[in-house]
Amino acid sequence: MGAGPGLYLVNDYAAGGGTLLGMPALYAWAVGWCAVESGVIIAAYLTVWKSES
């Protein structure tokens, strides 16, 4: 696995006031993963969970 956004949460980057795109690192990381998970749910809804009628 390569370095990802979680890399900014180690070595006290977030605790030291580090930011990503102007947002606190921890907040940006959480919002990013919520967007990814929402995308997966929407994709599943549109493709997998179709009504059988």
PDB file of N, CA and C in Angstrom:
ATOM      1  N   MET A   1       0.843  -1.182   0.000  1.00  0.00           N
ATOM      2  CA  MET A   1       0.000   0.000   0.000  1.00  0.00           C
ATOM      3  C   MET A   1       0.885   1.241   0.000  1.00  0.00           C
ATOM      4  N   GLY A   2       0.478   2.190  -0.761  1.00  0.00           N
ATOM      5  CA  GLY A   2       1.211   3.446  -0.817  1.00  0.00           C
ATOM      6  C   GLY A   2       0.743   4.413   0.247  1.00  0.00           C
ATOM      7  N   ALA A   3       1.407   5.525   0.288  1.00  0.00           N
ATOM      8  CA  ALA A   3       1.025   6.564   1.247  1.00  0.00           C
ATOM      9  C   ALA A   3      -0.276   7.213   0.788  1.00  0.00           C
ATOM     10  N   GLY A   4      -1.203   7.372   1.695  1.00  0.00           N
ATOM     11  CA  GLY A   4      -2.487   7.992   1.388  1.00  0.00           C
ATOM     12  C   GLY A   4      -2.754   9.143   2.330  1.00  0.00           C
ATOM     13  N   PRO A   5      -3.997   9.585   2.384  1.00  0.00           N
ATOM     14  CA  PRO A   5      -4.319  10.714   3.254  1.00  0.00           C
ATOM     15  C   PRO A   5      -4.098  10.411   4.728  1.00  0.00           C
ATOM     16  N   GLY A   6      -4.147   9.142   5.107  1.00  0.00           N
ATOM     17  CA  GLY A   6      -3.896   8.782   6.498  1.00  0.00           C
ATOM     18  C   GLY A   6      -2.479   9.094   6.934  1.00  0.00           C
ATOM     19  N   LEU A   7      -1.584   9.257   5.960  1.00  0.00           N
ATOM     20  CA  LEU A   7      -0.198   9.599   6.273  1.00  0.00           C
ATOM     21  C   LEU A   7      -0.118  10.926   7.022  1.00  0.00           C
ATOM     22  N   TYR A   8      -1.019  11.840   6.732  1.00  0.00           N
ATOM     23  CA  TYR A   8      -1.000  13.155   7.380  1.00  0.00           C
ATOM     24  C   TYR A   8      -1.478  13.100   8.827  1.00  0.00           C
ATOM     25  N   LEU A   9      -2.030  11.952   9.233  1.00  0.00           N
ATOM     26  CA  LEU A   9      -2.515  11.828  10.603  1.00  0.00           C
ATOM     27  C   LEU A   9      -1.449  11.281  11.538  1.00  0.00           C
ATOM     28  N   VAL A  10      -0.341  10.823  10.990  1.00  0.00           N
ATOM     29  CA  VAL A  10       0.734  10.273  11.824  1.00  0.00           C
ATOM     30  C   VAL A  10       1.788  11.338  12.073  1.00  0.00           C
ATOM     31  N   ASN A  11       2.670  11.045  12.992  1.00  0.00           N
ATOM     32  CA  ASN A  11       3.782  11.937  13.337  1.00  0.00           C
ATOM     33  C   ASN A  11       3.308  13.322  13.777  1.00  0.00           C
ATOM     34  N   ASP A  12       2.188  13.376  14.464  1.00  0.00           N
ATOM     35  CA  ASP A  12       1.660  14.617  15.040  1.00  0.00           C
ATOM     36  C   ASP A  12       1.351  15.701  14.015  1.00  0.00           C
ATOM     37  N   TYR A  13       1.149  15.336  12.754  1.00  0.00           N
ATOM     38  CA  TYR A  13       0.816  16.341  11.736  1.00  0.00           C
ATOM     39  C   TYR A  13      -0.532  16.989  12.049  1.00  0.00           C
ATOM     40  N   ALA A  14      -1.550  16.174  12.312  1.00  0.00           N
ATOM     41  CA  ALA A  14      -2.874  16.716  12.614  1.00  0.00           C
ATOM     42  C   ALA A  14      -2.875  17.436  13.960  1.00  0.00           C
ATOM     43  N   ALA A  15      -2.202  16.858  14.948  1.00  0.00           N
ATOM     44  CA  ALA A  15      -2.169  17.476  16.273  1.00  0.00           C
ATOM     45  C   ALA A  15      -1.423  18.799  16.250  1.00  0.00           C
ATOM     46  N   GLY A  16      -0.490  18.944  15.331  1.00  0.00           N
ATOM     47  CA  GLY A  16       0.285  20.176  15.225  1.00  0.00           C
ATOM     48  C   GLY A  16      -0.409  21.250  14.410  1.00  0.00           C
ATOM     49  N   GLY A  17      -1.673  21.035  14.054  1.00  0.00           N
ATOM     50  CA  GLY A  17      -2.413  22.045  13.311  1.00  0.00           C
ATOM     51  C   GLY A  17      -2.269  21.925  11.806  1.00  0.00           C
ATOM     52  N   GLY A  18      -1.845  20.762  11.320  1.00  0.00           N
ATOM     53  CA  GLY A  18      -1.688  20.562   9.879  1.00  0.00           C
ATOM     54  C   GLY A  18      -3.025  20.624   9.155  1.00  0.00           C
ATOM     55  N   THR A  19      -3.007  21.155   7.940  1.00  0.00           N
ATOM     56  CA  THR A  19      -4.241  21.280   7.173  1.00  0.00           C
ATOM     57  C   THR A  19      -4.072  20.667   5.787  1.00  0.00           C
ATOM     58  N   LEU A  20      -5.194  20.262   5.218  1.00  0.00           N
ATOM     59  CA  LEU A  20      -5.278  19.788   3.840  1.00  0.00           C
ATOM     60  C   LEU A  20      -6.351  20.619   3.154  1.00  0.00           C
ATOM     61  N   LEU A  21      -5.980  21.336   2.142  1.00  0.00           N
ATOM     62  CA  LEU A  21      -6.924  22.202   1.411  1.00  0.00           C
ATOM     63  C   LEU A  21      -7.622  23.182   2.345  1.00  0.00           C
ATOM     64  N   GLY A  22      -6.917  23.651   3.350  1.00  0.00           N
ATOM     65  CA  GLY A  22      -7.463  24.640   4.264  1.00  0.00           C
ATOM     66  C   GLY A  22      -8.306  24.072   5.394  1.00  0.00           C
ATOM     67  N   MET A  23      -8.522  22.754   5.415  1.00  0.00           N
ATOM     68  CA  MET A  23      -9.302  22.127   6.482  1.00  0.00           C
ATOM     69  C   MET A  23      -8.342  21.383   7.405  1.00  0.00           C
ATOM     70  N   PRO A  24      -8.704  21.238   8.681  1.00  0.00           N
ATOM     71  CA  PRO A  24      -7.875  20.412   9.555  1.00  0.00           C
ATOM     72  C   PRO A  24      -7.724  19.009   8.963  1.00  0.00           C
ATOM     73  N   ALA A  25      -6.543  18.426   9.098  1.00  0.00           N
ATOM     74  CA  ALA A  25      -6.241  17.154   8.439  1.00  0.00           C
ATOM     75  C   ALA A  25      -7.214  16.047   8.826  1.00  0.00           C
ATOM     76  N   LEU A  26      -7.534  15.926  10.094  1.00  0.00           N
ATOM     77  CA  LEU A  26      -8.431  14.859  10.522  1.00  0.00           C
ATOM     78  C   LEU A  26      -9.823  15.052   9.923  1.00  0.00           C
ATOM     79  N   TYR A  27     -10.312  16.273   9.895  1.00  0.00           N
ATOM     80  CA  TYR A  27     -11.624  16.572   9.326  1.00  0.00           C
ATOM     81  C   TYR A  27     -11.639  16.272   7.821  1.00  0.00           C
ATOM     82  N   ALA A  28     -10.603  16.692   7.113  1.00  0.00           N
ATOM     83  CA  ALA A  28     -10.526  16.445   5.672  1.00  0.00           C
ATOM     84  C   ALA A  28     -10.479  14.951   5.380  1.00  0.00           C
ATOM     85  N   TRP A  29      -9.755  14.198   6.187  1.00  0.00           N
ATOM     86  CA  TRP A  29      -9.650  12.756   6.005  1.00  0.00           C
ATOM     87  C   TRP A  29     -11.010  12.091   6.214  1.00  0.00           C
ATOM     88  N   ALA A  30     -11.733  12.494   7.258  1.00  0.00           N
ATOM     89  CA  ALA A  30     -13.047  11.922   7.549  1.00  0.00           C
ATOM     90  C   ALA A  30     -14.053  12.270   6.461  1.00  0.00           C
ATOM     91  N   VAL A  31     -14.062  13.517   6.018  1.00  0.00           N
ATOM     92  CA  VAL A  31     -14.997  13.927   4.968  1.00  0.00           C
ATOM     93  C   VAL A  31     -14.695  13.185   3.666  1.00  0.00           C
ATOM     94  N   GLY A  32     -13.422  13.000   3.364  1.00  0.00           N
ATOM     95  CA  GLY A  32     -13.047  12.273   2.153  1.00  0.00           C
ATOM     96  C   GLY A  32     -13.545  10.839   2.167  1.00  0.00           C
ATOM     97  N   TRP A  33     -13.382  10.157   3.293  1.00  0.00           N
ATOM     98  CA  TRP A  33     -13.839   8.776   3.360  1.00  0.00           C
ATOM     99  C   TRP A  33     -15.359   8.673   3.390  1.00  0.00           C
ATOM    100  N   CYS A  34     -16.043   9.654   3.959  1.00  0.00           N
ATOM    101  CA  CYS A  34     -17.514   9.659   3.894  1.00  0.00           C
ATOM    102  C   CYS A  34     -17.968   9.795   2.442  1.00  0.00           C
ATOM    103  N   ALA A  35     -17.276  10.601   1.661  1.00  0.00           N
ATOM    104  CA  ALA A  35     -17.606  10.754   0.246  1.00  0.00           C
ATOM    105  C   ALA A  35     -17.381   9.448  -0.505  1.00  0.00           C
ATOM    106  N   VAL A  36     -16.284   8.756  -0.220  1.00  0.00           N
ATOM    107  CA  VAL A  36     -16.010   7.478  -0.882  1.00  0.00           C
ATOM    108  C   VAL A  36     -17.084   6.449  -0.533  1.00  0.00           C
ATOM    109  N   GLU A  37     -17.409   6.342   0.742  1.00  0.00           N
ATOM    110  CA  GLU A  37     -18.411   5.369   1.167  1.00  0.00           C
ATOM    111  C   GLU A  37     -19.791   5.709   0.608  1.00  0.00           C
ATOM    112  N   SER A  38     -20.131   6.983   0.534  1.00  0.00           N
ATOM    113  CA  SER A  38     -21.405   7.390  -0.066  1.00  0.00           C
ATOM    114  C   SER A  38     -21.438   7.026  -1.543  1.00  0.00           C
ATOM    115  N   GLY A  39     -20.332   7.202  -2.230  1.00  0.00           N
ATOM    116  CA  GLY A  39     -20.254   6.830  -3.640  1.00  0.00           C
ATOM    117  C   GLY A  39     -20.468   5.344  -3.856  1.00  0.00           C
ATOM    118  N   VAL A  40     -19.907   4.525  -2.982  1.00  0.00           N
ATOM    119  CA  VAL A  40     -20.093   3.080  -3.081  1.00  0.00           C
ATOM    120  C   VAL A  40     -21.553   2.710  -2.860  1.00  0.00           C
ATOM    121  N   ILE A  41     -22.192   3.325  -1.880  1.00  0.00           N
ATOM    122  CA  ILE A  41     -23.596   3.035  -1.601  1.00  0.00           C
ATOM    123  C   ILE A  41     -24.475   3.464  -2.768  1.00  0.00           C
ATOM    124  N   ILE A  42     -24.228   4.628  -3.338  1.00  0.00           N
ATOM    125  CA  ILE A  42     -25.016   5.102  -4.478  1.00  0.00           C
ATOM    126  C   ILE A  42     -24.810   4.201  -5.688  1.00  0.00           C
ATOM    127  N   ALA A  43     -23.577   3.787  -5.939  1.00  0.00           N
ATOM    128  CA  ALA A  43     -23.307   2.877  -7.053  1.00  0.00           C
ATOM    129  C   ALA A  43     -24.034   1.549  -6.861  1.00  0.00           C
ATOM    130  N   ALA A  44     -24.021   1.013  -5.639  1.00  0.00           N
ATOM    131  CA  ALA A  44     -24.720  -0.236  -5.359  1.00  0.00           C
ATOM    132  C   ALA A  44     -26.225  -0.059  -5.525  1.00  0.00           C
ATOM    133  N   TYR A  45     -26.752   1.055  -5.086  1.00  0.00           N
ATOM    134  CA  TYR A  45     -28.184   1.315  -5.220  1.00  0.00           C
ATOM    135  C   TYR A  45     -28.602   1.356  -6.687  1.00  0.00           C
ATOM    136  N   LEU A  46     -27.788   1.974  -7.507  1.00  0.00           N
ATOM    137  CA  LEU A  46     -28.141   2.121  -8.923  1.00  0.00           C
ATOM    138  C   LEU A  46     -27.898   0.851  -9.732  1.00  0.00           C
ATOM    139  N   THR A  47     -27.030  -0.043  -9.266  1.00  0.00           N
ATOM    140  CA  THR A  47     -26.701  -1.213 -10.062  1.00  0.00           C
ATOM    141  C   THR A  47     -27.141  -2.529  -9.451  1.00  0.00           C
ATOM    142  N   VAL A  48     -27.015  -2.695  -8.156  1.00  0.00           N
ATOM    143  CA  VAL A  48     -27.283  -3.981  -7.522  1.00  0.00           C
ATOM    144  C   VAL A  48     -28.701  -4.074  -6.979  1.00  0.00           C
ATOM    145  N   TRP A  49     -29.141  -3.055  -6.272  1.00  0.00           N
ATOM    146  CA  TRP A  49     -30.426  -3.112  -5.592  1.00  0.00           C
ATOM    147  C   TRP A  49     -31.555  -2.638  -6.493  1.00  0.00           C
ATOM    148  N   LYS A  50     -31.836  -3.387  -7.538  1.00  0.00           N
ATOM    149  CA  LYS A  50     -32.930  -3.032  -8.441  1.00  0.00           C
ATOM    150  C   LYS A  50     -34.156  -3.851  -8.065  1.00  0.00           C
ATOM    151  N   SER A  51     -35.332  -3.270  -8.252  1.00  0.00           N
ATOM    152  CA  SER A  51     -36.554  -4.006  -7.945  1.00  0.00           C
ATOM    153  C   SER A  51     -36.771  -5.075  -9.012  1.00  0.00           C
ATOM    154  N   GLU A  52     -37.389  -6.162  -8.613  1.00  0.00           N
ATOM    155  CA  GLU A  52     -37.569  -7.289  -9.517  1.00  0.00           C
ATOM    156  C   GLU A  52     -38.866  -7.191 -10.328  1.00  0.00           C
ATOM    157  N   SER A  53     -39.657  -6.191 -10.099  1.00  0.00           N
ATOM    158  CA  SER A  53     -40.915  -6.078 -10.844  1.00  0.00           C
ATOM    159  C   SER A  53     -40.780  -5.302 -12.113  1.00  0.00           C
TER     160      SER A  53
END
